[in-house]
Amino acid sequence: MKKSVEEDVFIPLYPKSTVEDKSSPRSKFQERRFWSAVKLLSNVVLWDGIVQEDKVRDLGLSKLLNRYLLLNILNTPLGPDNIEKCNKVVACLPERWFQDLKGGSTLPELLNFSQHLLQ
């Protein structure tokens, strides 16, 4: 899993003006790479309970979400596309990671993502 996250994930960052046209090749490529990384995130977190939780959280949240996915989400204009991306990421996260948290708090690895959701 670590090798896949470190070597297979690539989401190019293009200027917003370049990817605003959803039919442009750059925009389509960036979107395909984003959804591929979301699928990898969902596969990584499936190992929760089998592989040590800290390893799964490191790969899934620290590396995939914060290093790749969040950058793309932050560069996506606010609207339906951004909401869909956020919903898919949230759907990947195991509920049990949040069971012992007190109201209004989140996992340390999710602070930046949580701030984006609050906006």
Protein backbone atom coordinates (compact mmCIF):
# COMPACT_ATOMS: atom_id res chain seq x y z
CA MET A 1 0.00 0.00 0.00
CA LYS A 2 2.79 2.39 0.91
CA LYS A 3 4.45 1.83 -2.46
CA SER A 4 1.18 2.55 -4.29
CA VAL A 5 0.62 5.76 -2.35
CA GLU A 6 4.19 6.95 -2.82
CA GLU A 7 4.73 5.90 -6.44
CA ASP A 8 1.36 5.59 -8.18
CA VAL A 9 -0.48 8.71 -7.06
CA PHE A 10 -0.05 11.75 -9.24
CA ILE A 11 -2.53 14.59 -9.44
CA PRO A 12 -1.17 17.49 -11.47
CA LEU A 13 -1.93 20.99 -10.28
CA TYR A 14 -2.83 23.28 -13.13
CA PRO A 15 -3.78 26.94 -12.83
CA LYS A 16 -7.51 27.41 -12.18
CA SER A 17 -7.90 29.16 -15.51
CA THR A 18 -6.61 26.03 -17.26
CA VAL A 19 -9.02 23.59 -15.63
CA GLU A 20 -12.14 25.78 -15.48
CA ASP A 21 -13.06 24.41 -18.90
CA LYS A 22 -14.27 20.92 -17.88
CA SER A 23 -13.87 19.67 -21.45
CA SER A 24 -10.16 20.53 -21.66
CA PRO A 25 -7.74 17.59 -21.72
CA ARG A 26 -5.90 18.91 -18.65
CA SER A 27 -9.10 19.19 -16.64
CA LYS A 28 -10.21 15.70 -17.63
CA PHE A 29 -6.82 14.23 -16.79
CA GLN A 30 -6.72 15.96 -13.41
CA GLU A 31 -10.22 14.70 -12.59
CA ARG A 32 -9.37 11.12 -13.56
CA ARG A 33 -6.26 11.20 -11.36
CA PHE A 34 -8.24 12.67 -8.45
CA TRP A 35 -10.91 9.95 -8.59
CA SER A 36 -8.22 7.29 -8.91
CA ALA A 37 -6.65 8.60 -5.69
CA VAL A 38 -10.06 8.60 -3.96
CA LYS A 39 -10.48 4.96 -4.93
CA LEU A 40 -7.04 4.21 -3.50
CA LEU A 41 -8.05 6.00 -0.29
CA SER A 42 -11.15 3.84 0.00
CA ASN A 43 -9.04 0.72 -0.55
CA VAL A 44 -6.44 1.78 2.02
CA VAL A 45 -9.02 2.39 4.75
CA LEU A 46 -10.59 -1.02 4.08
CA TRP A 47 -7.49 -2.40 5.82
CA ASP A 48 -8.50 -0.66 9.06
CA GLY A 49 -8.81 -3.33 11.73
CA ILE A 50 -6.46 -5.65 9.86
CA VAL A 51 -3.40 -3.42 9.64
CA GLN A 52 -2.44 -1.16 12.55
CA GLU A 53 -4.72 1.86 12.67
CA ASP A 54 -1.86 4.35 12.86
CA LYS A 55 -0.38 2.92 9.64
CA VAL A 56 -3.73 3.12 7.84
CA ARG A 57 -4.35 6.68 9.07
CA ASP A 58 -0.85 7.74 8.06
CA LEU A 59 -1.20 6.39 4.53
CA GLY A 60 -4.82 7.36 4.04
CA LEU A 61 -5.02 10.71 5.78
CA SER A 62 -1.52 12.14 6.12
CA LYS A 63 -0.26 11.01 2.75
CA LEU A 64 -3.23 10.61 0.39
CA LEU A 65 -5.75 13.10 1.73
CA ASN A 66 -3.47 15.88 2.93
CA ARG A 67 -0.76 15.55 0.29
CA TYR A 68 -2.83 14.99 -2.83
CA LEU A 69 -6.60 15.06 -2.49
CA LEU A 70 -6.95 18.17 -0.35
CA LEU A 71 -4.87 20.28 -2.73
CA ASN A 72 -7.20 19.35 -5.55
CA ILE A 73 -10.30 19.98 -3.43
CA LEU A 74 -9.02 23.41 -2.40
CA ASN A 75 -8.39 24.29 -6.05
CA THR A 76 -11.86 23.19 -7.11
CA PRO A 77 -14.31 26.12 -7.18
CA LEU A 78 -16.94 25.99 -4.45
CA GLY A 79 -20.08 24.37 -5.78
CA PRO A 80 -21.50 20.97 -6.67
CA ASP A 81 -18.19 19.49 -7.87
CA ASN A 82 -16.43 20.47 -4.65
CA ILE A 83 -19.28 19.10 -2.54
CA GLU A 84 -19.23 15.81 -4.43
CA LYS A 85 -15.47 15.44 -3.90
CA CYS A 86 -15.78 16.17 -0.17
CA ASN A 87 -18.69 13.74 0.20
CA LYS A 88 -16.74 10.94 -1.47
CA VAL A 89 -13.73 11.52 0.78
CA VAL A 90 -15.92 11.56 3.90
CA ALA A 91 -17.65 8.36 2.77
CA CYS A 92 -14.26 6.61 2.77
CA LEU A 93 -13.53 7.33 6.43
CA PRO A 94 -14.35 4.60 8.95
CA GLU A 95 -16.93 5.72 11.53
CA ARG A 96 -15.06 4.04 14.37
CA TRP A 97 -12.23 6.58 14.02
CA PHE A 98 -14.66 9.22 15.29
CA GLN A 99 -16.44 7.31 18.07
CA ASP A 100 -14.24 8.49 20.96
CA LEU A 101 -14.00 12.12 19.86
CA LYS A 102 -15.73 14.81 21.84
CA GLY A 103 -18.21 17.11 20.10
CA GLY A 104 -16.66 19.70 17.84
CA SER A 105 -13.30 17.93 17.60
CA THR A 106 -11.75 15.88 14.85
CA LEU A 107 -8.71 13.76 14.12
CA PRO A 108 -5.48 15.80 13.93
CA GLU A 109 -4.92 14.61 10.35
CA LEU A 110 -8.32 16.02 9.35
CA LEU A 111 -7.92 19.58 10.67
CA ASN A 112 -7.33 21.20 7.26
CA PHE A 113 -10.07 19.17 5.61
CA SER A 114 -12.47 20.04 8.46
CA GLN A 115 -11.69 23.73 8.06
CA HIS A 116 -12.50 23.50 4.37
CA LEU A 117 -15.80 21.77 5.15
CA LEU A 118 -16.72 24.50 7.64
CA GLN A 119 -16.26 27.13 4.94
